[in-house]
């Protein structure tokens, strides 16, 4: 048995998925449910989720540095002045 890679040999859903994954373009102006959901998932996966992860990481860095700075300043106050030799 010889199989060809023609769309009518694949189930409809698999063909639609392959169509999206092998092309560089997609119809983002189409109003059908499949295209709208693909645009939403693409936006979330390639823009919104990475943006949230980066913002969360930077917030963690800034809060850690701020907390360290506060601890250092409170240590200076308890030691009676500026740290010498640092």
PDB file of N, CA and C in Angstrom:
ATOM      1  N   UNK A   1       0.837  -1.166   0.000  1.00  0.00           N
ATOM      2  CA  UNK A   1       0.000   0.000   0.000  1.00  0.00           C
ATOM      3  C   UNK A   1       0.891   1.241   0.000  1.00  0.00           C
ATOM      4  N   UNK A   2       0.622   2.149  -0.882  1.00  0.00           N
ATOM      5  CA  UNK A   2       1.438   3.349  -1.018  1.00  0.00           C
ATOM      6  C   UNK A   2       0.610   4.561  -0.602  1.00  0.00           C
ATOM      7  N   UNK A   3       1.136   5.315   0.376  1.00  0.00           N
ATOM      8  CA  UNK A   3       0.423   6.494   0.855  1.00  0.00           C
ATOM      9  C   UNK A   3       1.053   7.752   0.285  1.00  0.00           C
ATOM     10  N   UNK A   4       0.221   8.640  -0.135  1.00  0.00           N
ATOM     11  CA  UNK A   4       0.676   9.947  -0.601  1.00  0.00           C
ATOM     12  C   UNK A   4       0.363  10.970   0.480  1.00  0.00           C
ATOM     13  N   UNK A   5       1.008  12.071   0.412  1.00  0.00           N
ATOM     14  CA  UNK A   5       0.800  13.111   1.398  1.00  0.00           C
ATOM     15  C   UNK A   5      -0.244  14.114   0.911  1.00  0.00           C
ATOM     16  N   UNK A   6      -1.379  13.642   0.502  1.00  0.00           N
ATOM     17  CA  UNK A   6      -2.449  14.505   0.013  1.00  0.00           C
ATOM     18  C   UNK A   6      -3.430  14.800   1.143  1.00  0.00           C
ATOM     19  N   UNK A   7      -4.024  15.967   1.129  1.00  0.00           N
ATOM     20  CA  UNK A   7      -4.945  16.340   2.205  1.00  0.00           C
ATOM     21  C   UNK A   7      -6.132  15.395   2.362  1.00  0.00           C
ATOM     22  N   UNK A   8      -6.619  14.798   1.263  1.00  0.00           N
ATOM     23  CA  UNK A   8      -7.801  13.942   1.394  1.00  0.00           C
ATOM     24  C   UNK A   8      -7.477  12.609   2.060  1.00  0.00           C
ATOM     25  N   UNK A   9      -6.215  12.305   2.289  1.00  0.00           N
ATOM     26  CA  UNK A   9      -5.838  11.088   3.001  1.00  0.00           C
ATOM     27  C   UNK A   9      -5.722  11.318   4.499  1.00  0.00           C
ATOM     28  N   UNK A  10      -5.694  12.554   4.922  1.00  0.00           N
ATOM     29  CA  UNK A  10      -5.572  12.880   6.340  1.00  0.00           C
ATOM     30  C   UNK A  10      -6.916  13.300   6.895  1.00  0.00           C
ATOM     31  N   UNK A  11      -7.147  13.042   8.166  1.00  0.00           N
ATOM     32  CA  UNK A  11      -8.380  13.577   8.767  1.00  0.00           C
ATOM     33  C   UNK A  11      -8.389  15.104   8.677  1.00  0.00           C
ATOM     34  N   UNK A  12      -9.563  15.654   8.669  1.00  0.00           N
ATOM     35  CA  UNK A  12      -9.704  17.095   8.460  1.00  0.00           C
ATOM     36  C   UNK A  12      -8.965  17.915   9.515  1.00  0.00           C
ATOM     37  N   UNK A  13      -9.088  17.547  10.785  1.00  0.00           N
ATOM     38  CA  UNK A  13      -8.427  18.301  11.844  1.00  0.00           C
ATOM     39  C   UNK A  13      -6.917  18.241  11.701  1.00  0.00           C
ATOM     40  N   UNK A  14      -6.382  17.053  11.434  1.00  0.00           N
ATOM     41  CA  UNK A  14      -4.940  16.915  11.264  1.00  0.00           C
ATOM     42  C   UNK A  14      -4.451  17.744  10.080  1.00  0.00           C
ATOM     43  N   UNK A  15      -5.212  17.768   9.013  1.00  0.00           N
ATOM     44  CA  UNK A  15      -4.833  18.574   7.856  1.00  0.00           C
ATOM     45  C   UNK A  15      -4.809  20.057   8.211  1.00  0.00           C
ATOM     46  N   UNK A  16      -5.785  20.523   8.984  1.00  0.00           N
ATOM     47  CA  UNK A  16      -5.809  21.938   9.375  1.00  0.00           C
ATOM     48  C   UNK A  16      -4.618  22.262  10.261  1.00  0.00           C
ATOM     49  N   UNK A  17      -4.285  21.355  11.190  1.00  0.00           N
ATOM     50  CA  UNK A  17      -3.128  21.576  12.050  1.00  0.00           C
ATOM     51  C   UNK A  17      -1.844  21.622  11.230  1.00  0.00           C
ATOM     52  N   UNK A  18      -1.690  20.689  10.323  1.00  0.00           N
ATOM     53  CA  UNK A  18      -0.493  20.683   9.489  1.00  0.00           C
ATOM     54  C   UNK A  18      -0.417  21.934   8.635  1.00  0.00           C
ATOM     55  N   UNK A  19      -1.540  22.414   8.171  1.00  0.00           N
ATOM     56  CA  UNK A  19      -1.567  23.634   7.372  1.00  0.00           C
ATOM     57  C   UNK A  19      -1.013  24.810   8.176  1.00  0.00           C
ATOM     58  N   UNK A  20      -1.376  24.902   9.453  1.00  0.00           N
ATOM     59  CA  UNK A  20      -0.885  26.001  10.267  1.00  0.00           C
ATOM     60  C   UNK A  20       0.580  25.841  10.632  1.00  0.00           C
ATOM     61  N   UNK A  21       1.047  24.620  10.829  1.00  0.00           N
ATOM     62  CA  UNK A  21       2.402  24.422  11.306  1.00  0.00           C
ATOM     63  C   UNK A  21       3.460  24.407  10.209  1.00  0.00           C
ATOM     64  N   UNK A  22       3.083  24.307   8.951  1.00  0.00           N
ATOM     65  CA  UNK A  22       4.085  24.296   7.888  1.00  0.00           C
ATOM     66  C   UNK A  22       4.117  25.590   7.096  1.00  0.00           C
ATOM     67  N   UNK A  23       3.191  26.470   7.338  1.00  0.00           N
ATOM     68  CA  UNK A  23       3.177  27.745   6.633  1.00  0.00           C
ATOM     69  C   UNK A  23       3.709  28.863   7.523  1.00  0.00           C
ATOM     70  N   UNK A  24       4.240  29.873   6.893  1.00  0.00           N
ATOM     71  CA  UNK A  24       4.736  31.027   7.637  1.00  0.00           C
ATOM     72  C   UNK A  24       3.652  32.076   7.839  1.00  0.00           C
ATOM     73  N   UNK A  25       2.563  31.953   7.143  1.00  0.00           N
ATOM     74  CA  UNK A  25       1.488  32.931   7.257  1.00  0.00           C
ATOM     75  C   UNK A  25       0.199  32.230   7.651  1.00  0.00           C
ATOM     76  N   UNK A  26      -0.743  33.000   8.144  1.00  0.00           N
ATOM     77  CA  UNK A  26      -2.063  32.493   8.456  1.00  0.00           C
ATOM     78  C   UNK A  26      -3.052  33.630   8.254  1.00  0.00           C
ATOM     79  N   UNK A  27      -4.293  33.271   8.134  1.00  0.00           N
ATOM     80  CA  UNK A  27      -5.330  34.263   7.861  1.00  0.00           C
ATOM     81  C   UNK A  27      -5.845  34.831   9.177  1.00  0.00           C
ATOM     82  N   UNK A  28      -5.230  35.901   9.640  1.00  0.00           N
ATOM     83  CA  UNK A  28      -5.618  36.487  10.914  1.00  0.00           C
ATOM     84  C   UNK A  28      -6.863  37.369  10.793  1.00  0.00           C
ATOM     85  N   UNK A  29      -7.315  37.634   9.605  1.00  0.00           N
ATOM     86  CA  UNK A  29      -8.522  38.435   9.416  1.00  0.00           C
ATOM     87  C   UNK A  29      -9.778  37.586   9.332  1.00  0.00           C
ATOM     88  N   UNK A  30      -9.621  36.284   9.223  1.00  0.00           N
ATOM     89  CA  UNK A  30     -10.771  35.403   9.127  1.00  0.00           C
ATOM     90  C   UNK A  30     -11.533  35.401  10.444  1.00  0.00           C
ATOM     91  N   UNK A  31     -12.845  35.292  10.373  1.00  0.00           N
ATOM     92  CA  UNK A  31     -13.682  35.347  11.570  1.00  0.00           C
ATOM     93  C   UNK A  31     -14.157  33.970  12.023  1.00  0.00           C
ATOM     94  N   UNK A  32     -13.698  32.886  11.384  1.00  0.00           N
ATOM     95  CA  UNK A  32     -14.143  31.575  11.841  1.00  0.00           C
ATOM     96  C   UNK A  32     -13.466  31.216  13.166  1.00  0.00           C
ATOM     97  N   UNK A  33     -14.068  30.312  13.882  1.00  0.00           N
ATOM     98  CA  UNK A  33     -13.628  29.973  15.234  1.00  0.00           C
ATOM     99  C   UNK A  33     -12.203  29.443  15.253  1.00  0.00           C
ATOM    100  N   UNK A  34     -11.851  28.605  14.314  1.00  0.00           N
ATOM    101  CA  UNK A  34     -10.508  28.016  14.262  1.00  0.00           C
ATOM    102  C   UNK A  34      -9.439  29.110  14.130  1.00  0.00           C
ATOM    103  N   UNK A  35      -9.606  30.023  13.217  1.00  0.00           N
ATOM    104  CA  UNK A  35      -8.616  31.080  13.009  1.00  0.00           C
ATOM    105  C   UNK A  35      -8.559  32.027  14.198  1.00  0.00           C
ATOM    106  N   UNK A  36      -9.700  32.395  14.749  1.00  0.00           N
ATOM    107  CA  UNK A  36      -9.716  33.286  15.918  1.00  0.00           C
ATOM    108  C   UNK A  36      -9.023  32.634  17.109  1.00  0.00           C
ATOM    109  N   UNK A  37      -9.302  31.360  17.363  1.00  0.00           N
ATOM    110  CA  UNK A  37      -8.672  30.683  18.495  1.00  0.00           C
ATOM    111  C   UNK A  37      -7.182  30.522  18.259  1.00  0.00           C
ATOM    112  N   UNK A  38      -6.770  30.286  17.022  1.00  0.00           N
ATOM    113  CA  UNK A  38      -5.347  30.177  16.716  1.00  0.00           C
ATOM    114  C   UNK A  38      -4.637  31.506  16.985  1.00  0.00           C
ATOM    115  N   UNK A  39      -5.241  32.614  16.600  1.00  0.00           N
ATOM    116  CA  UNK A  39      -4.641  33.930  16.834  1.00  0.00           C
ATOM    117  C   UNK A  39      -4.543  34.210  18.333  1.00  0.00           C
ATOM    118  N   UNK A  40      -5.567  33.859  19.088  1.00  0.00           N
ATOM    119  CA  UNK A  40      -5.556  34.088  20.536  1.00  0.00           C
ATOM    120  C   UNK A  40      -4.470  33.238  21.196  1.00  0.00           C
ATOM    121  N   UNK A  41      -4.390  31.965  20.850  1.00  0.00           N
ATOM    122  CA  UNK A  41      -3.370  31.084  21.427  1.00  0.00           C
ATOM    123  C   UNK A  41      -1.978  31.545  21.017  1.00  0.00           C
ATOM    124  N   UNK A  42      -1.815  31.937  19.775  1.00  0.00           N
ATOM    125  CA  UNK A  42      -0.522  32.435  19.311  1.00  0.00           C
ATOM    126  C   UNK A  42      -0.113  33.692  20.078  1.00  0.00           C
ATOM    127  N   UNK A  43      -1.038  34.614  20.285  1.00  0.00           N
ATOM    128  CA  UNK A  43      -0.760  35.829  21.044  1.00  0.00           C
ATOM    129  C   UNK A  43      -0.375  35.498  22.480  1.00  0.00           C
ATOM    130  N   UNK A  44      -1.139  34.616  23.115  1.00  0.00           N
ATOM    131  CA  UNK A  44      -0.856  34.266  24.500  1.00  0.00           C
ATOM    132  C   UNK A  44       0.491  33.557  24.633  1.00  0.00           C
ATOM    133  N   UNK A  45       0.748  32.588  23.765  1.00  0.00           N
ATOM    134  CA  UNK A  45       1.960  31.778  23.880  1.00  0.00           C
ATOM    135  C   UNK A  45       3.219  32.524  23.474  1.00  0.00           C
ATOM    136  N   UNK A  46       3.111  33.443  22.541  1.00  0.00           N
ATOM    137  CA  UNK A  46       4.330  34.087  22.054  1.00  0.00           C
ATOM    138  C   UNK A  46       4.506  35.519  22.539  1.00  0.00           C
ATOM    139  N   UNK A  47       3.509  36.096  23.211  1.00  0.00           N
ATOM    140  CA  UNK A  47       3.661  37.466  23.692  1.00  0.00           C
ATOM    141  C   UNK A  47       3.258  37.617  25.166  1.00  0.00           C
ATOM    142  N   UNK A  48       2.034  37.279  25.498  1.00  0.00           N
ATOM    143  CA  UNK A  48       1.513  37.571  26.827  1.00  0.00           C
ATOM    144  C   UNK A  48       2.198  36.741  27.919  1.00  0.00           C
ATOM    145  N   UNK A  49       2.322  35.437  27.726  1.00  0.00           N
ATOM    146  CA  UNK A  49       2.946  34.593  28.744  1.00  0.00           C
ATOM    147  C   UNK A  49       4.417  34.953  28.936  1.00  0.00           C
ATOM    148  N   UNK A  50       5.226  35.094  27.870  1.00  0.00           N
ATOM    149  CA  UNK A  50       6.609  35.515  28.096  1.00  0.00           C
ATOM    150  C   UNK A  50       6.719  36.889  28.761  1.00  0.00           C
ATOM    151  N   UNK A  51       5.830  37.814  28.421  1.00  0.00           N
ATOM    152  CA  UNK A  51       5.853  39.131  29.049  1.00  0.00           C
ATOM    153  C   UNK A  51       5.580  39.032  30.549  1.00  0.00           C
ATOM    154  N   UNK A  52       4.620  38.218  30.931  1.00  0.00           N
ATOM    155  CA  UNK A  52       4.308  38.038  32.348  1.00  0.00           C
ATOM    156  C   UNK A  52       5.488  37.391  33.078  1.00  0.00           C
ATOM    157  N   UNK A  53       6.121  36.404  32.460  1.00  0.00           N
ATOM    158  CA  UNK A  53       7.274  35.734  33.080  1.00  0.00           C
ATOM    159  C   UNK A  53       8.428  36.711  33.274  1.00  0.00           C
ATOM    160  N   UNK A  54       8.716  37.516  32.262  1.00  0.00           N
ATOM    161  CA  UNK A  54       9.808  38.494  32.360  1.00  0.00           C
ATOM    162  C   UNK A  54       9.488  39.541  33.425  1.00  0.00           C
ATOM    163  N   UNK A  55       8.260  40.048  33.445  1.00  0.00           N
ATOM    164  CA  UNK A  55       7.882  41.042  34.459  1.00  0.00           C
ATOM    165  C   UNK A  55       7.972  40.454  35.858  1.00  0.00           C
ATOM    166  N   UNK A  56       7.537  39.228  36.041  1.00  0.00           N
ATOM    167  CA  UNK A  56       7.622  38.565  37.335  1.00  0.00           C
ATOM    168  C   UNK A  56       9.082  38.407  37.764  1.00  0.00           C
ATOM    169  N   UNK A  57       9.943  38.017  36.839  1.00  0.00           N
ATOM    170  CA  UNK A  57      11.365  37.851  37.157  1.00  0.00           C
ATOM    171  C   UNK A  57      12.005  39.192  37.523  1.00  0.00           C
ATOM    172  N   UNK A  58      11.723  40.226  36.751  1.00  0.00           N
ATOM    173  CA  UNK A  58      12.286  41.540  37.063  1.00  0.00           C
ATOM    174  C   UNK A  58      11.745  42.088  38.377  1.00  0.00           C
ATOM    175  N   UNK A  59      10.477  41.857  38.668  1.00  0.00           N
ATOM    176  CA  UNK A  59       9.921  42.286  39.943  1.00  0.00           C
ATOM    177  C   UNK A  59      10.629  41.580  41.097  1.00  0.00           C
ATOM    178  N   UNK A  60      10.911  40.298  40.921  1.00  0.00           N
ATOM    179  CA  UNK A  60      11.646  39.549  41.937  1.00  0.00           C
ATOM    180  C   UNK A  60      13.048  40.081  42.136  1.00  0.00           C
ATOM    181  N   UNK A  61      13.720  40.436  41.051  1.00  0.00           N
ATOM    182  CA  UNK A  61      15.073  40.988  41.148  1.00  0.00           C
ATOM    183  C   UNK A  61      15.054  42.333  41.862  1.00  0.00           C
ATOM    184  N   UNK A  62      14.149  43.221  41.450  1.00  0.00           N
ATOM    185  CA  UNK A  62      14.078  44.557  42.052  1.00  0.00           C
ATOM    186  C   UNK A  62      13.711  44.460  43.532  1.00  0.00           C
ATOM    187  N   UNK A  63      12.764  43.601  43.885  1.00  0.00           N
ATOM    188  CA  UNK A  63      12.381  43.483  45.293  1.00  0.00           C
ATOM    189  C   UNK A  63      13.513  42.869  46.118  1.00  0.00           C
ATOM    190  N   UNK A  64      14.260  41.951  45.554  1.00  0.00           N
ATOM    191  CA  UNK A  64      15.394  41.360  46.265  1.00  0.00           C
ATOM    192  C   UNK A  64      16.498  42.386  46.502  1.00  0.00           C
ATOM    193  N   UNK A  65      16.804  43.182  45.487  1.00  0.00           N
ATOM    194  CA  UNK A  65      17.827  44.221  45.633  1.00  0.00           C
ATOM    195  C   UNK A  65      17.366  45.272  46.631  1.00  0.00           C
ATOM    196  N   UNK A  66      16.098  45.647  46.571  1.00  0.00           N
ATOM    197  CA  UNK A  66      15.561  46.633  47.506  1.00  0.00           C
ATOM    198  C   UNK A  66      15.608  46.109  48.941  1.00  0.00           C
ATOM    199  N   UNK A  67      15.228  44.858  49.126  1.00  0.00           N
ATOM    200  CA  UNK A  67      15.270  44.254  50.462  1.00  0.00           C
ATOM    201  C   UNK A  67      16.705  44.189  50.982  1.00  0.00           C
ATOM    202  N   UNK A  68      17.645  43.828  50.120  1.00  0.00           N
ATOM    203  CA  UNK A  68      19.057  43.778  50.512  1.00  0.00           C
ATOM    204  C   UNK A  68      19.554  45.173  50.889  1.00  0.00           C
ATOM    205  N   UNK A  69      19.149  46.192  50.118  1.00  0.00           N
ATOM    206  CA  UNK A  69      19.550  47.561  50.409  1.00  0.00           C
ATOM    207  C   UNK A  69      19.003  48.025  51.762  1.00  0.00           C
ATOM    208  N   UNK A  70      17.731  47.710  52.036  1.00  0.00           N
ATOM    209  CA  UNK A  70      17.142  48.057  53.336  1.00  0.00           C
ATOM    210  C   UNK A  70      17.873  47.349  54.481  1.00  0.00           C
ATOM    211  N   UNK A  71      18.187  46.075  54.286  1.00  0.00           N
ATOM    212  CA  UNK A  71      18.912  45.336  55.325  1.00  0.00           C
ATOM    213  C   UNK A  71      20.299  45.927  55.551  1.00  0.00           C
ATOM    214  N   UNK A  72      20.951  46.317  54.478  1.00  0.00           N
ATOM    215  CA  UNK A  72      22.283  46.908  54.589  1.00  0.00           C
ATOM    216  C   UNK A  72      22.216  48.248  55.322  1.00  0.00           C
ATOM    217  N   UNK A  73      21.223  49.065  54.991  1.00  0.00           N
ATOM    218  CA  UNK A  73      21.076  50.356  55.670  1.00  0.00           C
ATOM    219  C   UNK A  73      20.716  50.178  57.145  1.00  0.00           C
ATOM    220  N   UNK A  74      19.870  49.223  57.460  1.00  0.00           N
ATOM    221  CA  UNK A  74      19.536  48.992  58.870  1.00  0.00           C
ATOM    222  C   UNK A  74      20.751  48.453  59.624  1.00  0.00           C
ATOM    223  N   UNK A  75      21.579  47.690  58.976  1.00  0.00           N
ATOM    224  CA  UNK A  75      22.807  47.200  59.599  1.00  0.00           C
ATOM    225  C   UNK A  75      23.764  48.360  59.865  1.00  0.00           C
ATOM    226  N   UNK A  76      23.828  49.315  58.914  1.00  0.00           N
ATOM    227  CA  UNK A  76      24.686  50.485  59.103  1.00  0.00           C
ATOM    228  C   UNK A  76      24.207  51.306  60.298  1.00  0.00           C
ATOM    229  N   UNK A  77      22.890  51.449  60.451  1.00  0.00           N
ATOM    230  CA  UNK A  77      22.340  52.223  61.554  1.00  0.00           C
ATOM    231  C   UNK A  77      22.658  51.550  62.876  1.00  0.00           C
ATOM    232  N   UNK A  78      22.521  50.234  62.932  1.00  0.00           N
ATOM    233  CA  UNK A  78      22.787  49.519  64.192  1.00  0.00           C
ATOM    234  C   UNK A  78      24.272  49.491  64.528  1.00  0.00           C
ATOM    235  N   UNK A  79      25.139  49.627  63.536  1.00  0.00           N
ATOM    236  CA  UNK A  79      26.569  49.635  63.762  1.00  0.00           C
ATOM    237  C   UNK A  79      27.080  51.032  64.098  1.00  0.00           C
ATOM    238  N   UNK A  80      26.258  52.027  64.030  1.00  0.00           N
ATOM    239  CA  UNK A  80      26.623  53.369  64.422  1.00  0.00           C
ATOM    240  C   UNK A  80      27.277  54.176  63.339  1.00  0.00           C
ATOM    241  N   UNK A  81      26.960  53.929  62.091  1.00  0.00           N
ATOM    242  CA  UNK A  81      27.522  54.768  61.036  1.00  0.00           C
ATOM    243  C   UNK A  81      27.732  53.981  59.760  1.00  0.00           C
ATOM    244  N   UNK A  82      28.499  54.545  58.872  1.00  0.00           N
ATOM    245  CA  UNK A  82      28.766  53.916  57.599  1.00  0.00           C
ATOM    246  C   UNK A  82      29.740  52.761  57.766  1.00  0.00           C
ATOM    247  N   UNK A  83      29.572  51.782  56.924  1.00  0.00           N
ATOM    248  CA  UNK A  83      30.520  50.679  56.920  1.00  0.00           C
ATOM    249  C   UNK A  83      31.845  51.163  56.380  1.00  0.00           C
ATOM    250  N   UNK A  84      32.904  50.798  57.001  1.00  0.00           N
ATOM    251  CA  UNK A  84      34.219  51.230  56.539  1.00  0.00           C
ATOM    252  C   UNK A  84      34.909  50.053  55.859  1.00  0.00           C
ATOM    253  N   UNK A  85      35.616  50.365  54.805  1.00  0.00           N
ATOM    254  CA  UNK A  85      36.356  49.346  54.086  1.00  0.00           C
ATOM    255  C   UNK A  85      35.547  48.608  53.038  1.00  0.00           C
ATOM    256  N   UNK A  86      34.334  49.066  52.768  1.00  0.00           N
ATOM    257  CA  UNK A  86      33.520  48.399  51.749  1.00  0.00           C
ATOM    258  C   UNK A  86      33.403  49.286  50.545  1.00  0.00           C
TER     259      UNK A  86
END
